[in-house]
Amino acid sequence: MMTRLLLIACAIAAFGCDSKNQQQDLTNQTNTNNMKTPGNVELLSPDSLHKNPAFSQLAVITGNVKTIYIGGQNAVDRNGQIVGKGDIAKQSQQAMENIELALKAGGAELHHVVKWNIYFVKGQSAQDALKAVQPTLSKLKKPALVTGLFVEALANPDYLIEIEAVAVVPE
C-alpha cells in the first residue's frame, strides 16, 4: 500500500508545476456598481502540511463563483472511438483534451480546475500517463488538488485511465 502511494506521489510529480506557495489569481474584478462579493480561489500548501510541487493541499473558495463538475473522461473521441488502445500515454492525452473541451463548454479554462481525480487501471504506469499530460499542466501557475487511484477496471476494458475535474470560475 505504501509503495503504491509513493508511486502515485512520484508519478504526480511529473506534472512539473511551480512549487511556490502562491495564491492562484482567479479573483474577479467587479466595479463599484456591482454589489456582488467577488469570487476568489486560493490553492494552498501551508507549512504545517507536506509540500509537493505537483499538487496543492487545499482549495479555499469564497464569494460569487460558478462551479463546474466534469464527469470521468476517457480516451474517446467525439465519434465515440477509443484513441490509443493499449497506450496509456495516448489515452491520457485524449482524456485531457476531452477535459479541456468540457471546460470550454462550461465557460472555464484549465487554470480554473481546483481538483483532479485520476483513475489508473491497475498494472498501468501512472508516471507514463502523467508525463504525457505534463506539457499541458506545467503551464499552470499553481497546481490543483489531486487524488490518484489504482482501480481494477473501468467501464470499458479498453480504457486505461479516467480523469474527473472540478473547476471554479469567479463571477
N, C-alpha and C. Protein backbone atom coordinates (compact mmCIF):
# COMPACT_ATOMS: atom_id res chain seq x y z
N MET A 1 0.82 -1.20 0.00
CA MET A 1 0.00 0.00 0.00
C MET A 1 0.86 1.25 0.00
N MET A 2 1.87 1.32 0.89
CA MET A 2 2.75 2.48 0.93
C MET A 2 3.52 2.63 -0.37
N THR A 3 3.92 1.51 -0.96
CA THR A 3 4.64 1.56 -2.22
C THR A 3 3.76 2.18 -3.29
N ARG A 4 2.49 1.80 -3.32
CA ARG A 4 1.56 2.34 -4.29
C ARG A 4 1.37 3.85 -4.08
N LEU A 5 1.21 4.28 -2.84
CA LEU A 5 1.05 5.70 -2.55
C LEU A 5 2.30 6.48 -2.94
N LEU A 6 3.46 5.92 -2.66
CA LEU A 6 4.71 6.56 -3.03
C LEU A 6 4.82 6.66 -4.54
N LEU A 7 4.43 5.61 -5.25
CA LEU A 7 4.45 5.63 -6.71
C LEU A 7 3.54 6.71 -7.24
N ILE A 8 2.35 6.85 -6.66
CA ILE A 8 1.42 7.88 -7.11
C ILE A 8 2.02 9.26 -6.86
N ALA A 9 2.59 9.49 -5.69
CA ALA A 9 3.19 10.78 -5.39
C ALA A 9 4.33 11.10 -6.36
N CYS A 10 5.14 10.11 -6.66
CA CYS A 10 6.25 10.31 -7.60
C CYS A 10 5.71 10.56 -9.01
N ALA A 11 4.70 9.83 -9.38
CA ALA A 11 4.14 9.99 -10.72
C ALA A 11 3.47 11.34 -10.88
N ILE A 12 2.77 11.76 -9.85
CA ILE A 12 2.08 13.05 -9.92
C ILE A 12 3.10 14.17 -10.01
N ALA A 13 4.28 13.97 -9.46
CA ALA A 13 5.33 14.98 -9.55
C ALA A 13 5.70 15.26 -11.00
N ALA A 14 5.35 14.38 -11.90
CA ALA A 14 5.61 14.59 -13.32
C ALA A 14 4.82 15.78 -13.87
N PHE A 15 3.82 16.28 -13.11
CA PHE A 15 3.08 17.46 -13.55
C PHE A 15 4.02 18.63 -13.76
N GLY A 16 5.04 18.75 -12.92
CA GLY A 16 6.04 19.80 -13.11
C GLY A 16 5.53 21.21 -12.85
N CYS A 17 4.59 21.39 -11.94
CA CYS A 17 4.06 22.71 -11.65
C CYS A 17 4.99 23.48 -10.72
N ASP A 18 4.80 24.79 -10.68
CA ASP A 18 5.56 25.68 -9.81
C ASP A 18 5.31 25.33 -8.36
N SER A 19 6.35 25.19 -7.57
CA SER A 19 6.20 24.74 -6.19
C SER A 19 6.01 25.88 -5.20
N LYS A 20 6.04 27.13 -5.63
CA LYS A 20 5.89 28.24 -4.71
C LYS A 20 4.49 28.25 -4.12
N ASN A 21 4.39 28.60 -2.84
CA ASN A 21 3.10 28.65 -2.16
C ASN A 21 2.46 30.00 -2.44
N GLN A 22 1.91 30.15 -3.63
CA GLN A 22 1.29 31.40 -4.01
C GLN A 22 -0.18 31.19 -4.29
N GLN A 23 -0.94 32.26 -4.16
CA GLN A 23 -2.37 32.19 -4.44
C GLN A 23 -2.56 32.26 -5.94
N GLN A 24 -3.39 31.36 -6.48
CA GLN A 24 -3.70 31.43 -7.89
C GLN A 24 -4.66 32.60 -8.05
N ASP A 25 -4.31 33.55 -8.88
CA ASP A 25 -5.10 34.76 -9.00
C ASP A 25 -6.25 34.55 -9.97
N LEU A 26 -7.38 34.15 -9.40
CA LEU A 26 -8.59 33.99 -10.19
C LEU A 26 -9.64 34.99 -9.71
N THR A 27 -9.22 36.02 -8.99
CA THR A 27 -10.15 36.99 -8.43
C THR A 27 -10.85 37.72 -9.55
N ASN A 28 -12.15 37.81 -9.44
CA ASN A 28 -12.95 38.54 -10.42
C ASN A 28 -12.88 40.02 -10.11
N GLN A 29 -12.72 40.82 -11.11
CA GLN A 29 -12.71 42.27 -10.93
C GLN A 29 -14.15 42.77 -11.04
N THR A 30 -14.67 43.37 -9.98
CA THR A 30 -16.03 43.90 -10.01
C THR A 30 -15.97 45.41 -9.89
N ASN A 31 -16.95 46.08 -10.50
CA ASN A 31 -16.98 47.53 -10.40
C ASN A 31 -17.76 47.95 -9.17
N THR A 32 -17.71 49.24 -8.83
CA THR A 32 -18.35 49.72 -7.62
C THR A 32 -19.87 49.66 -7.69
N ASN A 33 -20.44 49.57 -8.89
CA ASN A 33 -21.90 49.48 -9.04
C ASN A 33 -22.41 48.08 -8.78
N ASN A 34 -21.53 47.11 -8.79
CA ASN A 34 -21.93 45.72 -8.60
C ASN A 34 -21.76 45.37 -7.13
N MET A 35 -22.82 44.96 -6.48
CA MET A 35 -22.78 44.67 -5.05
C MET A 35 -22.34 43.24 -4.74
N LYS A 36 -22.08 42.44 -5.75
CA LYS A 36 -21.65 41.06 -5.53
C LYS A 36 -20.28 41.02 -4.87
N THR A 37 -20.08 40.01 -4.05
CA THR A 37 -18.77 39.77 -3.48
C THR A 37 -17.94 39.08 -4.55
N PRO A 38 -16.78 39.62 -4.89
CA PRO A 38 -16.00 38.98 -5.96
C PRO A 38 -15.58 37.57 -5.56
N GLY A 39 -15.58 36.69 -6.54
CA GLY A 39 -15.15 35.32 -6.30
C GLY A 39 -13.64 35.25 -6.19
N ASN A 40 -13.17 34.33 -5.37
CA ASN A 40 -11.75 34.17 -5.18
C ASN A 40 -11.43 32.69 -4.93
N VAL A 41 -10.34 32.24 -5.52
CA VAL A 41 -9.88 30.86 -5.34
C VAL A 41 -8.44 30.90 -4.85
N GLU A 42 -8.18 30.23 -3.75
CA GLU A 42 -6.82 30.10 -3.24
C GLU A 42 -6.45 28.63 -3.20
N LEU A 43 -5.36 28.28 -3.84
CA LEU A 43 -4.81 26.92 -3.77
C LEU A 43 -3.60 27.01 -2.85
N LEU A 44 -3.66 26.28 -1.73
CA LEU A 44 -2.66 26.44 -0.69
C LEU A 44 -1.97 25.14 -0.32
N SER A 45 -0.73 25.28 0.12
CA SER A 45 0.04 24.20 0.74
C SER A 45 0.72 24.82 1.96
N PRO A 46 0.01 24.84 3.09
CA PRO A 46 0.57 25.51 4.28
C PRO A 46 1.81 24.79 4.80
N ASP A 47 2.62 25.54 5.52
CA ASP A 47 3.86 25.00 6.08
C ASP A 47 3.61 23.82 7.02
N SER A 48 2.41 23.72 7.58
CA SER A 48 2.09 22.65 8.52
C SER A 48 1.81 21.31 7.83
N LEU A 49 1.72 21.31 6.50
CA LEU A 49 1.48 20.08 5.74
C LEU A 49 2.62 19.85 4.75
N HIS A 50 2.73 18.61 4.29
CA HIS A 50 3.73 18.23 3.30
C HIS A 50 3.56 19.08 2.04
N LYS A 51 4.66 19.53 1.47
CA LYS A 51 4.61 20.30 0.23
C LYS A 51 5.16 19.45 -0.91
N ASN A 52 4.41 19.42 -2.00
CA ASN A 52 4.82 18.70 -3.20
C ASN A 52 4.55 19.63 -4.37
N PRO A 53 5.50 19.81 -5.28
CA PRO A 53 5.29 20.73 -6.38
C PRO A 53 4.20 20.29 -7.36
N ALA A 54 3.74 19.05 -7.25
CA ALA A 54 2.76 18.54 -8.20
C ALA A 54 1.32 18.79 -7.78
N PHE A 55 1.08 19.10 -6.51
CA PHE A 55 -0.30 19.32 -6.07
C PHE A 55 -0.35 20.24 -4.87
N SER A 56 -1.49 20.90 -4.70
CA SER A 56 -1.75 21.72 -3.53
C SER A 56 -2.49 20.87 -2.52
N GLN A 57 -2.52 21.32 -1.25
CA GLN A 57 -3.17 20.55 -0.19
C GLN A 57 -4.63 20.94 0.03
N LEU A 58 -4.99 22.18 -0.26
CA LEU A 58 -6.38 22.58 -0.08
C LEU A 58 -6.74 23.73 -0.99
N ALA A 59 -8.04 23.87 -1.22
CA ALA A 59 -8.57 24.97 -2.01
C ALA A 59 -9.57 25.72 -1.13
N VAL A 60 -9.43 27.03 -1.08
CA VAL A 60 -10.36 27.88 -0.34
C VAL A 60 -11.06 28.75 -1.37
N ILE A 61 -12.38 28.61 -1.43
CA ILE A 61 -13.17 29.31 -2.44
C ILE A 61 -14.18 30.19 -1.73
N THR A 62 -14.17 31.49 -2.08
CA THR A 62 -15.08 32.43 -1.45
C THR A 62 -15.75 33.30 -2.50
N GLY A 63 -16.86 33.92 -2.11
CA GLY A 63 -17.53 34.87 -2.99
C GLY A 63 -18.38 34.21 -4.05
N ASN A 64 -18.73 35.00 -5.05
CA ASN A 64 -19.59 34.55 -6.14
C ASN A 64 -18.77 33.79 -7.18
N VAL A 65 -19.08 32.52 -7.32
CA VAL A 65 -18.36 31.67 -8.25
C VAL A 65 -19.32 30.73 -8.98
N LYS A 66 -18.86 30.22 -10.08
CA LYS A 66 -19.57 29.16 -10.81
C LYS A 66 -18.71 27.91 -10.66
N THR A 67 -19.31 26.81 -10.22
CA THR A 67 -18.58 25.56 -10.06
C THR A 67 -19.00 24.60 -11.17
N ILE A 68 -18.01 23.98 -11.78
CA ILE A 68 -18.23 23.05 -12.89
C ILE A 68 -17.65 21.70 -12.51
N TYR A 69 -18.49 20.67 -12.54
CA TYR A 69 -18.06 19.31 -12.25
C TYR A 69 -18.00 18.54 -13.56
N ILE A 70 -16.84 18.01 -13.88
CA ILE A 70 -16.67 17.26 -15.12
C ILE A 70 -16.56 15.79 -14.77
N GLY A 71 -17.50 15.01 -15.30
CA GLY A 71 -17.50 13.57 -15.07
C GLY A 71 -16.29 12.92 -15.71
N GLY A 72 -16.04 11.69 -15.34
CA GLY A 72 -14.88 10.95 -15.81
C GLY A 72 -14.74 10.97 -17.33
N GLN A 73 -13.59 11.44 -17.78
CA GLN A 73 -13.28 11.48 -19.20
C GLN A 73 -12.26 10.40 -19.52
N ASN A 74 -12.55 9.68 -20.59
CA ASN A 74 -11.67 8.61 -21.06
C ASN A 74 -11.10 9.00 -22.41
N ALA A 75 -10.42 8.07 -23.03
CA ALA A 75 -9.77 8.30 -24.33
C ALA A 75 -10.74 8.02 -25.47
N VAL A 76 -11.84 8.75 -25.48
CA VAL A 76 -12.84 8.56 -26.53
C VAL A 76 -12.95 9.86 -27.30
N ASP A 77 -12.89 9.78 -28.63
CA ASP A 77 -13.01 11.00 -29.43
C ASP A 77 -14.50 11.35 -29.60
N ARG A 78 -14.77 12.43 -30.29
CA ARG A 78 -16.16 12.90 -30.44
C ARG A 78 -17.04 11.91 -31.18
N ASN A 79 -16.46 10.96 -31.91
CA ASN A 79 -17.23 9.95 -32.63
C ASN A 79 -17.42 8.67 -31.81
N GLY A 80 -16.93 8.68 -30.57
CA GLY A 80 -17.08 7.51 -29.72
C GLY A 80 -16.01 6.45 -29.92
N GLN A 81 -14.99 6.76 -30.69
CA GLN A 81 -13.90 5.82 -30.96
C GLN A 81 -12.82 5.95 -29.88
N ILE A 82 -12.31 4.83 -29.41
CA ILE A 82 -11.23 4.85 -28.42
C ILE A 82 -9.93 5.23 -29.11
N VAL A 83 -9.24 6.19 -28.51
CA VAL A 83 -7.95 6.66 -29.03
C VAL A 83 -6.85 6.00 -28.20
N GLY A 84 -5.85 5.44 -28.86
CA GLY A 84 -4.69 4.90 -28.17
C GLY A 84 -4.93 3.60 -27.43
N LYS A 85 -5.64 2.66 -28.05
CA LYS A 85 -5.86 1.37 -27.38
C LYS A 85 -4.52 0.78 -26.95
N GLY A 86 -4.45 0.41 -25.67
CA GLY A 86 -3.24 -0.20 -25.14
C GLY A 86 -2.11 0.77 -24.80
N ASP A 87 -2.31 2.09 -25.01
CA ASP A 87 -1.26 3.08 -24.80
C ASP A 87 -1.73 4.13 -23.79
N ILE A 88 -1.28 4.01 -22.55
CA ILE A 88 -1.75 4.92 -21.50
C ILE A 88 -1.38 6.37 -21.77
N ALA A 89 -0.25 6.61 -22.40
CA ALA A 89 0.15 8.00 -22.70
C ALA A 89 -0.82 8.64 -23.68
N LYS A 90 -1.14 7.95 -24.76
CA LYS A 90 -2.08 8.49 -25.75
C LYS A 90 -3.48 8.64 -25.15
N GLN A 91 -3.87 7.67 -24.32
CA GLN A 91 -5.18 7.76 -23.69
C GLN A 91 -5.24 8.94 -22.72
N SER A 92 -4.16 9.19 -22.03
CA SER A 92 -4.11 10.33 -21.11
C SER A 92 -4.25 11.65 -21.85
N GLN A 93 -3.57 11.76 -22.98
CA GLN A 93 -3.66 12.97 -23.78
C GLN A 93 -5.09 13.20 -24.29
N GLN A 94 -5.75 12.13 -24.75
CA GLN A 94 -7.12 12.27 -25.24
C GLN A 94 -8.07 12.63 -24.10
N ALA A 95 -7.91 12.00 -22.95
CA ALA A 95 -8.76 12.32 -21.80
C ALA A 95 -8.58 13.78 -21.41
N MET A 96 -7.34 14.28 -21.43
CA MET A 96 -7.08 15.68 -21.10
C MET A 96 -7.69 16.61 -22.15
N GLU A 97 -7.61 16.24 -23.42
CA GLU A 97 -8.26 17.05 -24.47
C GLU A 97 -9.77 17.11 -24.21
N ASN A 98 -10.36 15.99 -23.81
CA ASN A 98 -11.79 15.97 -23.51
C ASN A 98 -12.11 16.87 -22.32
N ILE A 99 -11.25 16.87 -21.32
CA ILE A 99 -11.44 17.75 -20.16
C ILE A 99 -11.43 19.21 -20.62
N GLU A 100 -10.46 19.56 -21.46
CA GLU A 100 -10.37 20.93 -21.94
C GLU A 100 -11.61 21.33 -22.74
N LEU A 101 -12.14 20.42 -23.56
CA LEU A 101 -13.36 20.69 -24.32
C LEU A 101 -14.56 20.87 -23.39
N ALA A 102 -14.63 20.05 -22.36
CA ALA A 102 -15.72 20.17 -21.39
C ALA A 102 -15.62 21.49 -20.63
N LEU A 103 -14.41 21.85 -20.23
CA LEU A 103 -14.22 23.13 -19.54
C LEU A 103 -14.70 24.28 -20.40
N LYS A 104 -14.31 24.28 -21.66
CA LYS A 104 -14.70 25.34 -22.59
C LYS A 104 -16.22 25.40 -22.70
N ALA A 105 -16.87 24.26 -22.80
CA ALA A 105 -18.33 24.21 -22.91
C ALA A 105 -18.99 24.79 -21.66
N GLY A 106 -18.33 24.67 -20.51
CA GLY A 106 -18.86 25.19 -19.26
C GLY A 106 -18.43 26.61 -18.96
N GLY A 107 -17.67 27.22 -19.86
CA GLY A 107 -17.22 28.59 -19.65
C GLY A 107 -16.00 28.70 -18.75
N ALA A 108 -15.16 27.69 -18.78
CA ALA A 108 -13.96 27.68 -17.94
C ALA A 108 -12.74 27.32 -18.77
N GLU A 109 -11.59 27.43 -18.13
CA GLU A 109 -10.33 27.05 -18.75
C GLU A 109 -9.56 26.15 -17.77
N LEU A 110 -8.48 25.60 -18.25
CA LEU A 110 -7.69 24.66 -17.46
C LEU A 110 -7.24 25.26 -16.12
N HIS A 111 -6.90 26.53 -16.11
CA HIS A 111 -6.43 27.15 -14.87
C HIS A 111 -7.53 27.30 -13.82
N HIS A 112 -8.78 27.08 -14.20
CA HIS A 112 -9.88 27.12 -13.24
C HIS A 112 -10.05 25.81 -12.47
N VAL A 113 -9.39 24.74 -12.90
CA VAL A 113 -9.53 23.45 -12.23
C VAL A 113 -8.90 23.53 -10.84
N VAL A 114 -9.69 23.13 -9.83
CA VAL A 114 -9.18 23.12 -8.45
C VAL A 114 -8.98 21.70 -7.93
N LYS A 115 -9.55 20.70 -8.62
CA LYS A 115 -9.47 19.32 -8.12
C LYS A 115 -9.48 18.34 -9.28
N TRP A 116 -8.54 17.42 -9.26
CA TRP A 116 -8.46 16.31 -10.22
C TRP A 116 -8.65 15.00 -9.47
N ASN A 117 -9.42 14.09 -10.05
CA ASN A 117 -9.47 12.69 -9.61
C ASN A 117 -9.01 11.87 -10.81
N ILE A 118 -7.96 11.10 -10.63
CA ILE A 118 -7.40 10.34 -11.74
C ILE A 118 -7.43 8.86 -11.36
N TYR A 119 -8.06 8.07 -12.23
CA TYR A 119 -8.20 6.63 -12.01
C TYR A 119 -7.32 5.91 -13.03
N PHE A 120 -6.35 5.16 -12.53
CA PHE A 120 -5.45 4.38 -13.38
C PHE A 120 -5.84 2.92 -13.25
N VAL A 121 -5.90 2.21 -14.36
CA VAL A 121 -6.15 0.78 -14.28
C VAL A 121 -4.90 0.11 -13.70
N LYS A 122 -5.14 -0.77 -12.75
CA LYS A 122 -4.07 -1.50 -12.09
C LYS A 122 -3.14 -2.12 -13.14
N GLY A 123 -1.84 -1.98 -12.91
CA GLY A 123 -0.84 -2.52 -13.84
C GLY A 123 -0.34 -1.50 -14.85
N GLN A 124 -1.03 -0.35 -14.95
CA GLN A 124 -0.60 0.71 -15.87
C GLN A 124 0.38 1.63 -15.16
N SER A 125 1.17 2.34 -15.92
CA SER A 125 2.15 3.26 -15.35
C SER A 125 1.53 4.65 -15.16
N ALA A 126 1.32 5.02 -13.91
CA ALA A 126 0.82 6.37 -13.61
C ALA A 126 1.83 7.41 -14.07
N GLN A 127 3.10 7.10 -13.93
CA GLN A 127 4.14 8.04 -14.33
C GLN A 127 4.08 8.31 -15.84
N ASP A 128 3.90 7.28 -16.66
CA ASP A 128 3.80 7.48 -18.11
C ASP A 128 2.56 8.30 -18.46
N ALA A 129 1.47 8.04 -17.76
CA ALA A 129 0.23 8.76 -18.02
C ALA A 129 0.40 10.25 -17.72
N LEU A 130 0.95 10.55 -16.56
CA LEU A 130 1.09 11.93 -16.16
C LEU A 130 2.17 12.67 -16.94
N LYS A 131 3.19 11.95 -17.33
CA LYS A 131 4.24 12.54 -18.16
C LYS A 131 3.66 13.00 -19.49
N ALA A 132 2.68 12.27 -20.00
CA ALA A 132 2.06 12.61 -21.29
C ALA A 132 1.26 13.91 -21.22
N VAL A 133 0.71 14.25 -20.06
CA VAL A 133 -0.09 15.48 -19.94
C VAL A 133 0.70 16.61 -19.29
N GLN A 134 1.93 16.34 -18.90
CA GLN A 134 2.76 17.34 -18.24
C GLN A 134 2.94 18.61 -19.09
N PRO A 135 3.13 18.53 -20.41
CA PRO A 135 3.28 19.78 -21.18
C PRO A 135 2.07 20.71 -21.04
N THR A 136 0.89 20.14 -20.92
CA THR A 136 -0.31 20.96 -20.74
C THR A 136 -0.38 21.52 -19.33
N LEU A 137 -0.20 20.67 -18.34
CA LEU A 137 -0.39 21.09 -16.95
C LEU A 137 0.76 21.93 -16.39
N SER A 138 1.93 21.83 -16.99
CA SER A 138 3.07 22.60 -16.47
C SER A 138 2.91 24.09 -16.73
N LYS A 139 1.96 24.49 -17.56
CA LYS A 139 1.71 25.90 -17.84
C LYS A 139 0.98 26.59 -16.68
N LEU A 140 0.41 25.80 -15.77
CA LEU A 140 -0.34 26.37 -14.66
C LEU A 140 0.58 27.00 -13.63
N LYS A 141 0.17 28.14 -13.07
CA LYS A 141 0.97 28.82 -12.05
C LYS A 141 0.97 28.04 -10.74
N LYS A 142 -0.14 27.42 -10.42
CA LYS A 142 -0.30 26.72 -9.14
C LYS A 142 -1.05 25.42 -9.41
N PRO A 143 -0.54 24.30 -8.91
CA PRO A 143 -1.22 23.03 -9.18
C PRO A 143 -2.50 22.87 -8.36
N ALA A 144 -3.45 22.16 -8.92
CA ALA A 144 -4.71 21.89 -8.24
C ALA A 144 -4.53 20.76 -7.24
N LEU A 145 -5.60 20.43 -6.53
CA LEU A 145 -5.62 19.27 -5.65
C LEU A 145 -5.69 18.03 -6.54
N VAL A 146 -5.05 16.95 -6.13
CA VAL A 146 -5.03 15.74 -6.96
C VAL A 146 -5.25 14.50 -6.10
N THR A 147 -6.12 13.63 -6.56
CA THR A 147 -6.27 12.31 -5.98
C THR A 147 -6.04 11.30 -7.09
N GLY A 148 -5.10 10.40 -6.89
CA GLY A 148 -4.81 9.35 -7.86
C GLY A 148 -5.14 8.00 -7.26
N LEU A 149 -5.86 7.19 -8.01
CA LEU A 149 -6.28 5.87 -7.52
C LEU A 149 -6.00 4.81 -8.57
N PHE A 150 -5.55 3.65 -8.12
CA PHE A 150 -5.47 2.50 -8.99
C PHE A 150 -6.75 1.70 -8.80
N VAL A 151 -7.38 1.35 -9.92
CA VAL A 151 -8.64 0.60 -9.87
C VAL A 151 -8.47 -0.70 -10.65
N GLU A 152 -9.30 -1.66 -10.35
CA GLU A 152 -9.24 -2.96 -11.03
C GLU A 152 -9.57 -2.82 -12.51
N ALA A 153 -10.60 -2.02 -12.82
CA ALA A 153 -11.02 -1.84 -14.22
C ALA A 153 -11.89 -0.60 -14.31
N LEU A 154 -12.11 -0.14 -15.54
CA LEU A 154 -13.02 0.96 -15.81
C LEU A 154 -14.21 0.43 -16.62
N ALA A 155 -15.13 1.30 -17.01
CA ALA A 155 -16.38 0.89 -17.65
C ALA A 155 -16.17 0.08 -18.93
N ASN A 156 -15.12 0.37 -19.67
CA ASN A 156 -14.80 -0.35 -20.90
C ASN A 156 -13.43 -1.00 -20.68
N PRO A 157 -13.27 -2.27 -21.02
CA PRO A 157 -11.98 -2.93 -20.78
C PRO A 157 -10.80 -2.31 -21.54
N ASP A 158 -11.08 -1.51 -22.57
CA ASP A 158 -10.00 -0.84 -23.30
C ASP A 158 -9.57 0.48 -22.67
N TYR A 159 -10.34 0.98 -21.71
CA TYR A 159 -9.97 2.22 -21.03
C TYR A 159 -8.85 1.92 -20.02
N LEU A 160 -7.79 2.73 -20.06
CA LEU A 160 -6.67 2.57 -19.14
C LEU A 160 -6.62 3.67 -18.09
N ILE A 161 -7.33 4.78 -18.35
CA ILE A 161 -7.32 5.93 -17.44
C ILE A 161 -8.65 6.65 -17.55
N GLU A 162 -9.04 7.29 -16.43
CA GLU A 162 -10.23 8.14 -16.43
C GLU A 162 -9.90 9.34 -15.55
N ILE A 163 -10.28 10.52 -16.03
CA ILE A 163 -9.95 11.76 -15.31
C ILE A 163 -11.23 12.55 -15.07
N GLU A 164 -11.44 12.96 -13.82
CA GLU A 164 -12.54 13.85 -13.44
C GLU A 164 -11.92 15.18 -13.02
N ALA A 165 -12.70 16.24 -13.12
CA ALA A 165 -12.21 17.55 -12.70
C ALA A 165 -13.34 18.39 -12.09
N VAL A 166 -12.95 19.26 -11.17
CA VAL A 166 -13.85 20.25 -10.62
C VAL A 166 -13.18 21.60 -10.89
N ALA A 167 -13.92 22.51 -11.52
CA ALA A 167 -13.40 23.83 -11.83
C ALA A 167 -14.26 24.88 -11.12
N VAL A 168 -13.62 25.97 -10.73
CA VAL A 168 -14.32 27.08 -10.09
C VAL A 168 -13.95 28.35 -10.86
N VAL A 169 -14.99 29.06 -11.33
CA VAL A 169 -14.80 30.29 -12.09
C VAL A 169 -15.41 31.44 -11.29
N PRO A 170 -14.58 32.40 -10.85
CA PRO A 170 -15.14 33.57 -10.18
C PRO A 170 -16.07 34.32 -11.12
N GLU A 171 -17.19 34.81 -10.57
CA GLU A 171 -18.16 35.56 -11.39
C GLU A 171 -18.00 37.03 -11.12
